[in-house]
């Protein structure tokens, strides 16, 4: 269990670093999904209201993103998703 928690903390630090870099530019949904995967979140394969449902091991909660692919994520939406994922 201790090893698992340290892995999550390392992934969270990596995600925070990537997120800080993303504040200087916009992020696309594809990039956001890669970031979420790197920090340990997983796509559940289910949908809620037509949006992919993700699970965060950091918060233990489910949250949804959008599946717009190469569209840019609006800053407020990005902040909300990262907060729900436990990054910020």
Protein backbone atom coordinates (compact mmCIF):
# COMPACT_ATOMS: atom_id res chain seq x y z
CA UNK A 1 0.00 0.00 0.00
CA UNK A 2 2.85 2.38 0.84
CA UNK A 3 4.44 1.76 -2.57
CA UNK A 4 1.11 2.47 -4.28
CA UNK A 5 0.71 5.78 -2.43
CA UNK A 6 4.23 6.91 -3.25
CA UNK A 7 3.56 6.08 -6.91
CA UNK A 8 0.43 8.24 -6.83
CA UNK A 9 2.38 11.12 -5.26
CA UNK A 10 5.06 10.87 -7.95
CA UNK A 11 2.40 10.86 -10.62
CA UNK A 12 0.71 13.83 -8.97
CA UNK A 13 4.00 15.77 -8.99
CA UNK A 14 4.49 14.92 -12.67
CA UNK A 15 0.94 15.99 -13.41
CA UNK A 16 1.41 19.26 -11.52
CA UNK A 17 4.56 19.98 -13.50
CA UNK A 18 2.79 19.29 -16.78
CA UNK A 19 -0.21 21.33 -15.67
CA UNK A 20 2.00 24.31 -14.78
CA UNK A 21 3.49 24.16 -18.26
CA UNK A 22 0.00 24.00 -19.71
CA UNK A 23 -0.95 27.28 -18.00
CA UNK A 24 1.27 29.03 -20.53
CA UNK A 25 -0.67 27.60 -23.46
CA UNK A 26 -3.93 25.86 -24.14
CA UNK A 27 -4.38 22.12 -23.87
CA UNK A 28 -6.33 19.83 -26.18
CA UNK A 29 -8.61 17.08 -24.92
CA UNK A 30 -6.23 14.42 -26.28
CA UNK A 31 -3.38 15.93 -24.23
CA UNK A 32 -5.62 16.16 -21.17
CA UNK A 33 -6.51 12.46 -21.40
CA UNK A 34 -2.80 11.56 -21.65
CA UNK A 35 -2.08 13.73 -18.60
CA UNK A 36 -4.86 12.08 -16.62
CA UNK A 37 -3.58 8.62 -17.57
CA UNK A 38 -0.03 9.51 -16.49
CA UNK A 39 -1.20 10.60 -13.07
CA UNK A 40 -3.01 7.32 -12.48
CA UNK A 41 -6.57 8.17 -13.43
CA UNK A 42 -8.36 5.67 -15.61
CA UNK A 43 -11.16 5.82 -18.12
CA UNK A 44 -13.92 3.54 -16.84
CA UNK A 45 -15.35 2.88 -20.30
CA UNK A 46 -18.72 4.21 -19.15
CA UNK A 47 -20.34 7.49 -20.07
CA UNK A 48 -22.41 10.02 -18.19
CA UNK A 49 -24.46 12.35 -20.35
CA UNK A 50 -22.42 11.41 -23.41
CA UNK A 51 -19.10 12.25 -21.74
CA UNK A 52 -16.40 9.73 -20.73
CA UNK A 53 -16.39 8.88 -17.04
CA UNK A 54 -12.97 8.74 -15.34
CA UNK A 55 -11.88 7.51 -11.90
CA UNK A 56 -9.21 9.24 -9.81
CA UNK A 57 -7.28 7.09 -7.29
CA UNK A 58 -6.08 10.28 -5.58
CA UNK A 59 -9.56 11.50 -4.62
CA UNK A 60 -11.42 8.21 -5.00
CA UNK A 61 -14.09 10.01 -7.03
CA UNK A 62 -15.51 9.69 -10.51
CA UNK A 63 -15.48 12.68 -12.84
CA UNK A 64 -16.29 13.32 -16.46
CA UNK A 65 -14.38 14.91 -19.30
CA UNK A 66 -15.37 15.51 -22.89
CA UNK A 67 -14.50 13.54 -25.99
CA UNK A 68 -13.81 16.40 -28.37
CA UNK A 69 -10.34 15.08 -29.31
CA UNK A 70 -8.32 17.84 -30.92
CA UNK A 71 -10.45 20.72 -29.63
CA UNK A 72 -8.89 22.96 -27.01
CA UNK A 73 -10.14 22.74 -23.44
CA UNK A 74 -11.43 26.03 -22.11
CA UNK A 75 -9.42 27.30 -19.10
CA UNK A 76 -12.30 27.04 -16.62
CA UNK A 77 -13.16 23.52 -17.77
CA UNK A 78 -9.52 22.45 -17.51
CA UNK A 79 -9.27 23.84 -13.99
CA UNK A 80 -12.47 22.03 -12.97
CA UNK A 81 -11.38 18.68 -14.42
CA UNK A 82 -7.94 18.86 -12.80
CA UNK A 83 -9.51 19.80 -9.47
CA UNK A 84 -11.91 16.83 -9.69
CA UNK A 85 -8.98 14.56 -10.60
CA UNK A 86 -7.04 15.71 -7.53
CA UNK A 87 -4.23 17.48 -9.36
CA UNK A 88 -5.02 20.94 -8.03
